[in-house]
Amino acid sequence: MNDDQIAHLELERDKGQRAKHAFNNFIQPFVEEKRLVLFEAFQEVSVSNKDDLLEIKRQLMAINALETEIQTIIETGIMAEKALVAEQEKSE
């Protein structure tokens, strides 16, 4: 593995660690609270009120997409860390 590849893996690892910290400390609590709020709104809205139902669905889909994107960054960082460890063990 060349220096550029190692630098890229280190960057991905660091990005994943920062994303994990942000997710655990800020984003996950927000997502959980927002899902509760949306669920309560869903329970209260009339079935005939399609606009409000679609808005609730849109917000939930956005939150799910955000969570998925951050989880992908975290997983990429974990895989980069494993690749760095494997490269280090190989070079020893």
Protein backbone atom coordinates (compact mmCIF):
# COMPACT_ATOMS: atom_id res chain seq x y z
CA MET A 1 0.00 0.00 0.00
CA ASN A 2 1.45 3.37 -0.95
CA ASP A 3 1.54 6.56 1.14
CA ASP A 4 -1.45 8.10 -0.64
CA GLN A 5 -3.61 5.07 0.08
CA ILE A 6 -2.56 5.05 3.73
CA ALA A 7 -3.30 8.79 4.02
CA HIS A 8 -6.72 8.23 2.47
CA LEU A 9 -7.48 5.41 4.92
CA GLU A 10 -6.35 7.57 7.84
CA LEU A 11 -8.62 10.36 6.63
CA GLU A 12 -11.60 7.98 6.36
CA ARG A 13 -10.84 6.54 9.80
CA ASP A 14 -10.70 10.00 11.38
CA LYS A 15 -13.86 11.09 9.58
CA GLY A 16 -15.65 7.96 10.84
CA GLN A 17 -14.52 8.59 14.41
CA ARG A 18 -15.76 12.18 14.29
CA ALA A 19 -19.06 11.04 12.79
CA LYS A 20 -19.48 8.43 15.52
CA HIS A 21 -18.85 11.02 18.21
CA ALA A 22 -21.30 13.49 16.65
CA PHE A 23 -23.90 10.77 16.12
CA ASN A 24 -23.72 9.43 19.67
CA ASN A 25 -23.68 12.81 21.37
CA PHE A 26 -25.89 15.01 19.21
CA ILE A 27 -27.58 13.40 16.24
CA GLN A 28 -28.96 10.19 17.75
CA PRO A 29 -30.76 11.98 20.61
CA PHE A 30 -32.23 14.45 18.10
CA VAL A 31 -33.34 11.64 15.76
CA GLU A 32 -34.98 9.70 18.59
CA GLU A 33 -36.83 12.79 19.85
CA LYS A 34 -37.93 13.79 16.35
CA ARG A 35 -39.26 10.29 15.65
CA LEU A 36 -41.34 10.48 18.84
CA VAL A 37 -42.71 13.88 17.82
CA LEU A 38 -43.56 12.60 14.34
CA PHE A 39 -45.22 9.48 15.76
CA GLU A 40 -47.35 11.61 18.07
CA ALA A 41 -48.27 13.87 15.14
CA PHE A 42 -49.15 10.81 13.05
CA GLN A 43 -51.44 9.53 15.78
CA GLU A 44 -53.24 12.86 16.03
CA VAL A 45 -53.65 13.67 12.33
CA SER A 46 -56.81 12.70 10.53
CA VAL A 47 -56.53 9.99 7.89
CA SER A 48 -58.27 12.32 5.46
CA ASN A 49 -55.57 15.00 5.92
CA LYS A 50 -53.24 13.80 3.18
CA ASP A 51 -51.05 16.90 3.21
CA ASP A 52 -50.11 16.50 6.87
CA LEU A 53 -49.60 12.76 6.45
CA LEU A 54 -47.27 13.35 3.52
CA GLU A 55 -45.34 15.99 5.48
CA ILE A 56 -44.86 13.57 8.38
CA LYS A 57 -43.69 10.89 5.96
CA ARG A 58 -41.30 13.32 4.23
CA GLN A 59 -39.73 14.34 7.53
CA LEU A 60 -39.36 10.74 8.66
CA MET A 61 -37.74 9.77 5.36
CA ALA A 62 -35.29 12.68 5.69
CA ILE A 63 -34.35 11.65 9.22
CA ASN A 64 -33.88 8.04 8.12
CA ALA A 65 -31.69 9.14 5.21
CA LEU A 66 -29.56 11.29 7.53
CA GLU A 67 -29.11 8.42 9.96
CA THR A 68 -28.21 5.99 7.17
CA GLU A 69 -25.65 8.38 5.70
CA ILE A 70 -23.94 8.91 9.05
CA GLN A 71 -23.93 5.17 9.78
CA THR A 72 -22.28 4.62 6.39
CA ILE A 73 -19.54 7.12 7.25
CA ILE A 74 -19.00 5.40 10.61
CA GLU A 75 -18.81 1.95 9.01
CA THR A 76 -16.39 3.22 6.36
CA GLY A 77 -14.17 4.55 9.14
CA ILE A 78 -14.25 1.19 10.91
CA MET A 79 -13.28 -0.62 7.71
CA ALA A 80 -10.48 1.89 7.09
CA GLU A 81 -9.15 1.29 10.61
CA LYS A 82 -9.16 -2.47 10.01
CA ALA A 83 -7.30 -1.99 6.73
CA LEU A 84 -4.70 0.20 8.46
CA VAL A 85 -4.18 -2.37 11.21
CA ALA A 86 -3.86 -5.16 8.65
CA GLU A 87 -1.31 -3.11 6.67
CA GLN A 88 0.65 -2.35 9.82
CA GLU A 89 0.70 -6.04 10.83
CA LYS A 90 1.77 -6.98 7.30
CA SER A 91 4.69 -4.55 7.37
CA GLU A 92 5.97 -5.75 10.76
